[in-house]
């Protein structure tokens, strides 16, 4: 069962409330997405730790309902 982009965005924002999230469906199939997530919560964290925070927010759906996610994370410049 595929996920909609808004579901991915909602899950991330529920776990990282101050995040700015943009999710794009790369193939239009509901299985391959690119997400850009920017949050002050990422400050001081490595890129791996930032990605782990996002994957945790997806609550185990990676590899099941969500097949592929190209992820870019960042800290806002004013944080």
PDB file of N, CA and C in Angstrom:
ATOM      1  N   UNK A   1       0.851  -1.185   0.000  1.00  0.00           N
ATOM      2  CA  UNK A   1       0.000   0.000   0.000  1.00  0.00           C
ATOM      3  C   UNK A   1       0.890   1.239   0.000  1.00  0.00           C
ATOM      4  N   UNK A   2       0.688   2.103  -0.944  1.00  0.00           N
ATOM      5  CA  UNK A   2       1.496   3.312  -1.092  1.00  0.00           C
ATOM      6  C   UNK A   2       1.023   4.407  -0.138  1.00  0.00           C
ATOM      7  N   UNK A   3       1.893   5.404   0.041  1.00  0.00           N
ATOM      8  CA  UNK A   3       1.564   6.557   0.887  1.00  0.00           C
ATOM      9  C   UNK A   3       1.435   7.797   0.019  1.00  0.00           C
ATOM     10  N   UNK A   4       0.604   8.717   0.437  1.00  0.00           N
ATOM     11  CA  UNK A   4       0.485  10.005  -0.228  1.00  0.00           C
ATOM     12  C   UNK A   4       1.499  10.978   0.369  1.00  0.00           C
ATOM     13  N   UNK A   5       1.930  11.930  -0.439  1.00  0.00           N
ATOM     14  CA  UNK A   5       2.921  12.919  -0.001  1.00  0.00           C
ATOM     15  C   UNK A   5       2.455  13.652   1.252  1.00  0.00           C
ATOM     16  N   UNK A   6       1.186  13.996   1.324  1.00  0.00           N
ATOM     17  CA  UNK A   6       0.700  14.738   2.498  1.00  0.00           C
ATOM     18  C   UNK A   6       0.767  13.893   3.768  1.00  0.00           C
ATOM     19  N   UNK A   7       0.666  12.563   3.641  1.00  0.00           N
ATOM     20  CA  UNK A   7       0.798  11.695   4.815  1.00  0.00           C
ATOM     21  C   UNK A   7       2.221  11.709   5.352  1.00  0.00           C
ATOM     22  N   UNK A   8       3.185  11.685   4.451  1.00  0.00           N
ATOM     23  CA  UNK A   8       4.596  11.744   4.845  1.00  0.00           C
ATOM     24  C   UNK A   8       4.875  13.067   5.543  1.00  0.00           C
ATOM     25  N   UNK A   9       4.411  14.143   4.936  1.00  0.00           N
ATOM     26  CA  UNK A   9       4.595  15.483   5.511  1.00  0.00           C
ATOM     27  C   UNK A   9       3.966  15.564   6.904  1.00  0.00           C
ATOM     28  N   UNK A  10       2.767  15.039   7.057  1.00  0.00           N
ATOM     29  CA  UNK A  10       2.062  15.087   8.333  1.00  0.00           C
ATOM     30  C   UNK A  10       2.822  14.318   9.411  1.00  0.00           C
ATOM     31  N   UNK A  11       3.304  13.122   9.099  1.00  0.00           N
ATOM     32  CA  UNK A  11       4.042  12.320  10.071  1.00  0.00           C
ATOM     33  C   UNK A  11       5.304  13.045  10.545  1.00  0.00           C
ATOM     34  N   UNK A  12       6.014  13.644   9.604  1.00  0.00           N
ATOM     35  CA  UNK A  12       7.240  14.368   9.959  1.00  0.00           C
ATOM     36  C   UNK A  12       6.904  15.564  10.842  1.00  0.00           C
ATOM     37  N   UNK A  13       5.880  16.319  10.475  1.00  0.00           N
ATOM     38  CA  UNK A  13       5.533  17.507  11.245  1.00  0.00           C
ATOM     39  C   UNK A  13       4.968  17.165  12.622  1.00  0.00           C
ATOM     40  N   UNK A  14       4.361  16.006  12.767  1.00  0.00           N
ATOM     41  CA  UNK A  14       3.885  15.587  14.086  1.00  0.00           C
ATOM     42  C   UNK A  14       5.054  15.312  15.021  1.00  0.00           C
ATOM     43  N   UNK A  15       6.133  14.742  14.489  1.00  0.00           N
ATOM     44  CA  UNK A  15       7.304  14.411  15.309  1.00  0.00           C
ATOM     45  C   UNK A  15       8.286  15.568  15.450  1.00  0.00           C
ATOM     46  N   UNK A  16       8.348  16.400  14.424  1.00  0.00           N
ATOM     47  CA  UNK A  16       9.267  17.545  14.431  1.00  0.00           C
ATOM     48  C   UNK A  16       8.416  18.785  14.118  1.00  0.00           C
ATOM     49  N   UNK A  17       7.708  19.299  15.130  1.00  0.00           N
ATOM     50  CA  UNK A  17       6.687  20.333  14.904  1.00  0.00           C
ATOM     51  C   UNK A  17       7.191  21.617  14.234  1.00  0.00           C
ATOM     52  N   UNK A  18       8.453  21.986  14.456  1.00  0.00           N
ATOM     53  CA  UNK A  18       8.941  23.227  13.862  1.00  0.00           C
ATOM     54  C   UNK A  18       9.552  23.023  12.475  1.00  0.00           C
ATOM     55  N   UNK A  19       9.413  21.826  11.928  1.00  0.00           N
ATOM     56  CA  UNK A  19      10.015  21.508  10.629  1.00  0.00           C
ATOM     57  C   UNK A  19       9.243  22.145   9.479  1.00  0.00           C
ATOM     58  N   UNK A  20      10.007  22.570   8.489  1.00  0.00           N
ATOM     59  CA  UNK A  20       9.443  22.966   7.202  1.00  0.00           C
ATOM     60  C   UNK A  20       9.704  21.777   6.290  1.00  0.00           C
ATOM     61  N   UNK A  21       8.641  21.214   5.740  1.00  0.00           N
ATOM     62  CA  UNK A  21       8.736  19.962   4.993  1.00  0.00           C
ATOM     63  C   UNK A  21       8.178  20.145   3.591  1.00  0.00           C
ATOM     64  N   UNK A  22       8.937  19.666   2.604  1.00  0.00           N
ATOM     65  CA  UNK A  22       8.439  19.625   1.228  1.00  0.00           C
ATOM     66  C   UNK A  22       8.653  18.212   0.708  1.00  0.00           C
ATOM     67  N   UNK A  23       7.585  17.582   0.247  1.00  0.00           N
ATOM     68  CA  UNK A  23       7.652  16.218  -0.253  1.00  0.00           C
ATOM     69  C   UNK A  23       7.177  16.211  -1.706  1.00  0.00           C
ATOM     70  N   UNK A  24       7.977  15.583  -2.567  1.00  0.00           N
ATOM     71  CA  UNK A  24       7.634  15.471  -3.984  1.00  0.00           C
ATOM     72  C   UNK A  24       7.569  14.003  -4.375  1.00  0.00           C
ATOM     73  N   UNK A  25       6.514  13.629  -5.096  1.00  0.00           N
ATOM     74  CA  UNK A  25       6.372  12.273  -5.622  1.00  0.00           C
ATOM     75  C   UNK A  25       7.169  12.226  -6.927  1.00  0.00           C
ATOM     76  N   UNK A  26       8.267  11.487  -6.924  1.00  0.00           N
ATOM     77  CA  UNK A  26       9.199  11.503  -8.047  1.00  0.00           C
ATOM     78  C   UNK A  26       8.672  10.808  -9.297  1.00  0.00           C
ATOM     79  N   UNK A  27       7.853   9.777  -9.119  1.00  0.00           N
ATOM     80  CA  UNK A  27       7.382   8.996 -10.265  1.00  0.00           C
ATOM     81  C   UNK A  27       5.867   9.018 -10.432  1.00  0.00           C
ATOM     82  N   UNK A  28       5.177   9.645  -9.493  1.00  0.00           N
ATOM     83  CA  UNK A  28       3.725   9.655  -9.551  1.00  0.00           C
ATOM     84  C   UNK A  28       3.107   8.327  -9.150  1.00  0.00           C
ATOM     85  N   UNK A  29       3.913   7.464  -8.499  1.00  0.00           N
ATOM     86  CA  UNK A  29       3.420   6.139  -8.150  1.00  0.00           C
ATOM     87  C   UNK A  29       3.139   5.960  -6.661  1.00  0.00           C
ATOM     88  N   UNK A  30       3.374   7.017  -5.858  1.00  0.00           N
ATOM     89  CA  UNK A  30       3.142   6.916  -4.430  1.00  0.00           C
ATOM     90  C   UNK A  30       4.148   6.042  -3.711  1.00  0.00           C
ATOM     91  N   UNK A  31       5.247   5.721  -4.359  1.00  0.00           N
ATOM     92  CA  UNK A  31       6.272   4.850  -3.788  1.00  0.00           C
ATOM     93  C   UNK A  31       7.664   5.483  -3.736  1.00  0.00           C
ATOM     94  N   UNK A  32       7.915   6.455  -4.583  1.00  0.00           N
ATOM     95  CA  UNK A  32       9.241   7.057  -4.701  1.00  0.00           C
ATOM     96  C   UNK A  32       9.134   8.566  -4.479  1.00  0.00           C
ATOM     97  N   UNK A  33       9.691   9.009  -3.347  1.00  0.00           N
ATOM     98  CA  UNK A  33       9.569  10.408  -2.955  1.00  0.00           C
ATOM     99  C   UNK A  33      10.923  11.058  -2.717  1.00  0.00           C
ATOM    100  N   UNK A  34      10.920  12.363  -2.803  1.00  0.00           N
ATOM    101  CA  UNK A  34      12.046  13.184  -2.349  1.00  0.00           C
ATOM    102  C   UNK A  34      11.473  14.117  -1.294  1.00  0.00           C
ATOM    103  N   UNK A  35      12.192  14.260  -0.185  1.00  0.00           N
ATOM    104  CA  UNK A  35      11.735  15.147   0.883  1.00  0.00           C
ATOM    105  C   UNK A  35      12.869  16.069   1.302  1.00  0.00           C
ATOM    106  N   UNK A  36      12.510  17.329   1.500  1.00  0.00           N
ATOM    107  CA  UNK A  36      13.426  18.314   2.067  1.00  0.00           C
ATOM    108  C   UNK A  36      12.834  18.733   3.400  1.00  0.00           C
ATOM    109  N   UNK A  37      13.642  18.576   4.445  1.00  0.00           N
ATOM    110  CA  UNK A  37      13.176  18.881   5.794  1.00  0.00           C
ATOM    111  C   UNK A  37      14.179  19.824   6.441  1.00  0.00           C
ATOM    112  N   UNK A  38      13.689  20.965   6.886  1.00  0.00           N
ATOM    113  CA  UNK A  38      14.527  21.949   7.562  1.00  0.00           C
ATOM    114  C   UNK A  38      13.940  22.195   8.952  1.00  0.00           C
ATOM    115  N   UNK A  39      14.813  22.122   9.979  1.00  0.00           N
ATOM    116  CA  UNK A  39      14.320  22.297  11.340  1.00  0.00           C
ATOM    117  C   UNK A  39      15.430  22.773  12.268  1.00  0.00           C
ATOM    118  N   UNK A  40      15.109  23.710  13.178  1.00  0.00           N
ATOM    119  CA  UNK A  40      16.072  24.088  14.212  1.00  0.00           C
ATOM    120  C   UNK A  40      16.432  22.900  15.111  1.00  0.00           C
ATOM    121  N   UNK A  41      15.575  21.888  15.184  1.00  0.00           N
ATOM    122  CA  UNK A  41      15.845  20.705  16.002  1.00  0.00           C
ATOM    123  C   UNK A  41      17.064  19.928  15.506  1.00  0.00           C
ATOM    124  N   UNK A  42      17.473  20.173  14.270  1.00  0.00           N
ATOM    125  CA  UNK A  42      18.628  19.491  13.698  1.00  0.00           C
ATOM    126  C   UNK A  42      19.959  20.138  14.109  1.00  0.00           C
ATOM    127  N   UNK A  43      19.884  21.308  14.705  1.00  0.00           N
ATOM    128  CA  UNK A  43      21.107  22.039  15.057  1.00  0.00           C
ATOM    129  C   UNK A  43      21.985  21.204  15.992  1.00  0.00           C
ATOM    130  N   UNK A  44      23.267  21.108  15.649  1.00  0.00           N
ATOM    131  CA  UNK A  44      24.221  20.359  16.452  1.00  0.00           C
ATOM    132  C   UNK A  44      24.214  18.860  16.195  1.00  0.00           C
ATOM    133  N   UNK A  45      23.342  18.409  15.314  1.00  0.00           N
ATOM    134  CA  UNK A  45      23.253  16.985  15.000  1.00  0.00           C
ATOM    135  C   UNK A  45      23.964  16.703  13.674  1.00  0.00           C
ATOM    136  N   UNK A  46      24.531  15.507  13.575  1.00  0.00           N
ATOM    137  CA  UNK A  46      25.150  15.105  12.321  1.00  0.00           C
ATOM    138  C   UNK A  46      24.056  14.853  11.287  1.00  0.00           C
ATOM    139  N   UNK A  47      24.444  14.776  10.036  1.00  0.00           N
ATOM    140  CA  UNK A  47      23.484  14.484   8.967  1.00  0.00           C
ATOM    141  C   UNK A  47      22.812  13.129   9.221  1.00  0.00           C
ATOM    142  N   UNK A  48      23.582  12.157   9.684  1.00  0.00           N
ATOM    143  CA  UNK A  48      23.011  10.836   9.990  1.00  0.00           C
ATOM    144  C   UNK A  48      21.962  10.955  11.090  1.00  0.00           C
ATOM    145  N   UNK A  49      22.251  11.702  12.142  1.00  0.00           N
ATOM    146  CA  UNK A  49      21.287  11.879  13.227  1.00  0.00           C
ATOM    147  C   UNK A  49      20.034  12.602  12.753  1.00  0.00           C
ATOM    148  N   UNK A  50      20.193  13.588  11.871  1.00  0.00           N
ATOM    149  CA  UNK A  50      19.054  14.298  11.304  1.00  0.00           C
ATOM    150  C   UNK A  50      18.163  13.331  10.523  1.00  0.00           C
ATOM    151  N   UNK A  51      18.788  12.505   9.695  1.00  0.00           N
ATOM    152  CA  UNK A  51      18.020  11.545   8.896  1.00  0.00           C
ATOM    153  C   UNK A  51      17.339  10.525   9.801  1.00  0.00           C
ATOM    154  N   UNK A  52      18.013  10.103  10.859  1.00  0.00           N
ATOM    155  CA  UNK A  52      17.405   9.163  11.799  1.00  0.00           C
ATOM    156  C   UNK A  52      16.160   9.759  12.444  1.00  0.00           C
ATOM    157  N   UNK A  53      16.192  11.056  12.740  1.00  0.00           N
ATOM    158  CA  UNK A  53      15.016  11.717  13.314  1.00  0.00           C
ATOM    159  C   UNK A  53      13.830  11.650  12.343  1.00  0.00           C
ATOM    160  N   UNK A  54      14.114  11.880  11.069  1.00  0.00           N
ATOM    161  CA  UNK A  54      13.043  11.847  10.066  1.00  0.00           C
ATOM    162  C   UNK A  54      12.526  10.422   9.899  1.00  0.00           C
ATOM    163  N   UNK A  55      13.424   9.446   9.802  1.00  0.00           N
ATOM    164  CA  UNK A  55      12.982   8.064   9.652  1.00  0.00           C
ATOM    165  C   UNK A  55      12.163   7.603  10.856  1.00  0.00           C
ATOM    166  N   UNK A  56      12.557   8.019  12.047  1.00  0.00           N
ATOM    167  CA  UNK A  56      11.796   7.688  13.248  1.00  0.00           C
ATOM    168  C   UNK A  56      10.385   8.284  13.157  1.00  0.00           C
ATOM    169  N   UNK A  57      10.291   9.498  12.618  1.00  0.00           N
ATOM    170  CA  UNK A  57       8.984  10.156  12.466  1.00  0.00           C
ATOM    171  C   UNK A  57       8.059   9.364  11.539  1.00  0.00           C
ATOM    172  N   UNK A  58       8.631   8.597  10.621  1.00  0.00           N
ATOM    173  CA  UNK A  58       7.827   7.824   9.671  1.00  0.00           C
ATOM    174  C   UNK A  58       7.280   6.529  10.279  1.00  0.00           C
ATOM    175  N   UNK A  59       7.635   6.265  11.527  1.00  0.00           N
ATOM    176  CA  UNK A  59       7.053   5.182  12.328  1.00  0.00           C
ATOM    177  C   UNK A  59       7.049   3.823  11.625  1.00  0.00           C
ATOM    178  N   UNK A  60       8.191   3.432  11.107  1.00  0.00           N
ATOM    179  CA  UNK A  60       8.333   2.097  10.533  1.00  0.00           C
ATOM    180  C   UNK A  60       7.745   1.907   9.154  1.00  0.00           C
ATOM    181  N   UNK A  61       7.319   2.962   8.513  1.00  0.00           N
ATOM    182  CA  UNK A  61       6.706   2.817   7.190  1.00  0.00           C
ATOM    183  C   UNK A  61       7.743   2.700   6.062  1.00  0.00           C
ATOM    184  N   UNK A  62       9.001   3.087   6.328  1.00  0.00           N
ATOM    185  CA  UNK A  62      10.055   2.949   5.316  1.00  0.00           C
ATOM    186  C   UNK A  62      10.234   1.468   5.012  1.00  0.00           C
ATOM    187  N   UNK A  63      10.278   1.142   3.729  1.00  0.00           N
ATOM    188  CA  UNK A  63      10.464  -0.234   3.315  1.00  0.00           C
ATOM    189  C   UNK A  63       9.177  -1.027   3.273  1.00  0.00           C
ATOM    190  N   UNK A  64       8.114  -0.472   3.816  1.00  0.00           N
ATOM    191  CA  UNK A  64       6.816  -1.148   3.805  1.00  0.00           C
ATOM    192  C   UNK A  64       5.861  -0.350   2.925  1.00  0.00           C
ATOM    193  N   UNK A  65       5.222   0.648   3.493  1.00  0.00           N
ATOM    194  CA  UNK A  65       4.319   1.503   2.714  1.00  0.00           C
ATOM    195  C   UNK A  65       5.090   2.504   1.858  1.00  0.00           C
ATOM    196  N   UNK A  66       6.293   2.814   2.272  1.00  0.00           N
ATOM    197  CA  UNK A  66       7.123   3.804   1.577  1.00  0.00           C
ATOM    198  C   UNK A  66       8.369   3.109   1.075  1.00  0.00           C
ATOM    199  N   UNK A  67       8.478   2.960  -0.236  1.00  0.00           N
ATOM    200  CA  UNK A  67       9.572   2.189  -0.826  1.00  0.00           C
ATOM    201  C   UNK A  67      10.879   2.966  -0.876  1.00  0.00           C
ATOM    202  N   UNK A  68      10.850   4.218  -1.354  1.00  0.00           N
ATOM    203  CA  UNK A  68      12.088   4.982  -1.527  1.00  0.00           C
ATOM    204  C   UNK A  68      11.868   6.439  -1.142  1.00  0.00           C
ATOM    205  N   UNK A  69      12.839   6.976  -0.391  1.00  0.00           N
ATOM    206  CA  UNK A  69      12.773   8.368   0.032  1.00  0.00           C
ATOM    207  C   UNK A  69      14.158   8.993  -0.094  1.00  0.00           C
ATOM    208  N   UNK A  70      14.308   9.905  -1.040  1.00  0.00           N
ATOM    209  CA  UNK A  70      15.545  10.683  -1.166  1.00  0.00           C
ATOM    210  C   UNK A  70      15.396  11.845  -0.190  1.00  0.00           C
ATOM    211  N   UNK A  71      16.252  11.890   0.815  1.00  0.00           N
ATOM    212  CA  UNK A  71      16.069  12.817   1.923  1.00  0.00           C
ATOM    213  C   UNK A  71      17.197  13.845   1.981  1.00  0.00           C
ATOM    214  N   UNK A  72      16.810  15.111   2.102  1.00  0.00           N
ATOM    215  CA  UNK A  72      17.743  16.210   2.340  1.00  0.00           C
ATOM    216  C   UNK A  72      17.291  16.915   3.598  1.00  0.00           C
ATOM    217  N   UNK A  73      18.206  17.067   4.556  1.00  0.00           N
ATOM    218  CA  UNK A  73      17.871  17.775   5.796  1.00  0.00           C
ATOM    219  C   UNK A  73      18.795  18.969   5.946  1.00  0.00           C
ATOM    220  N   UNK A  74      18.306  19.970   6.680  1.00  0.00           N
ATOM    221  CA  UNK A  74      19.118  21.158   6.925  1.00  0.00           C
ATOM    222  C   UNK A  74      18.613  21.888   8.154  1.00  0.00           C
ATOM    223  N   UNK A  75      19.482  22.774   8.640  1.00  0.00           N
ATOM    224  CA  UNK A  75      19.139  23.661   9.741  1.00  0.00           C
ATOM    225  C   UNK A  75      18.874  25.025   9.125  1.00  0.00           C
ATOM    226  N   UNK A  76      17.769  25.686   9.463  1.00  0.00           N
ATOM    227  CA  UNK A  76      17.513  27.020   8.917  1.00  0.00           C
ATOM    228  C   UNK A  76      18.673  27.962   9.264  1.00  0.00           C
ATOM    229  N   UNK A  77      18.976  28.879   8.389  1.00  0.00           N
ATOM    230  CA  UNK A  77      20.103  29.793   8.602  1.00  0.00           C
ATOM    231  C   UNK A  77      19.914  30.705   9.799  1.00  0.00           C
ATOM    232  N   UNK A  78      18.675  30.948  10.204  1.00  0.00           N
ATOM    233  CA  UNK A  78      18.424  31.833  11.349  1.00  0.00           C
ATOM    234  C   UNK A  78      18.304  31.083  12.671  1.00  0.00           C
ATOM    235  N   UNK A  79      18.606  29.777  12.661  1.00  0.00           N
ATOM    236  CA  UNK A  79      18.482  28.981  13.890  1.00  0.00           C
ATOM    237  C   UNK A  79      19.772  29.010  14.702  1.00  0.00           C
TER     238      UNK A  79
END
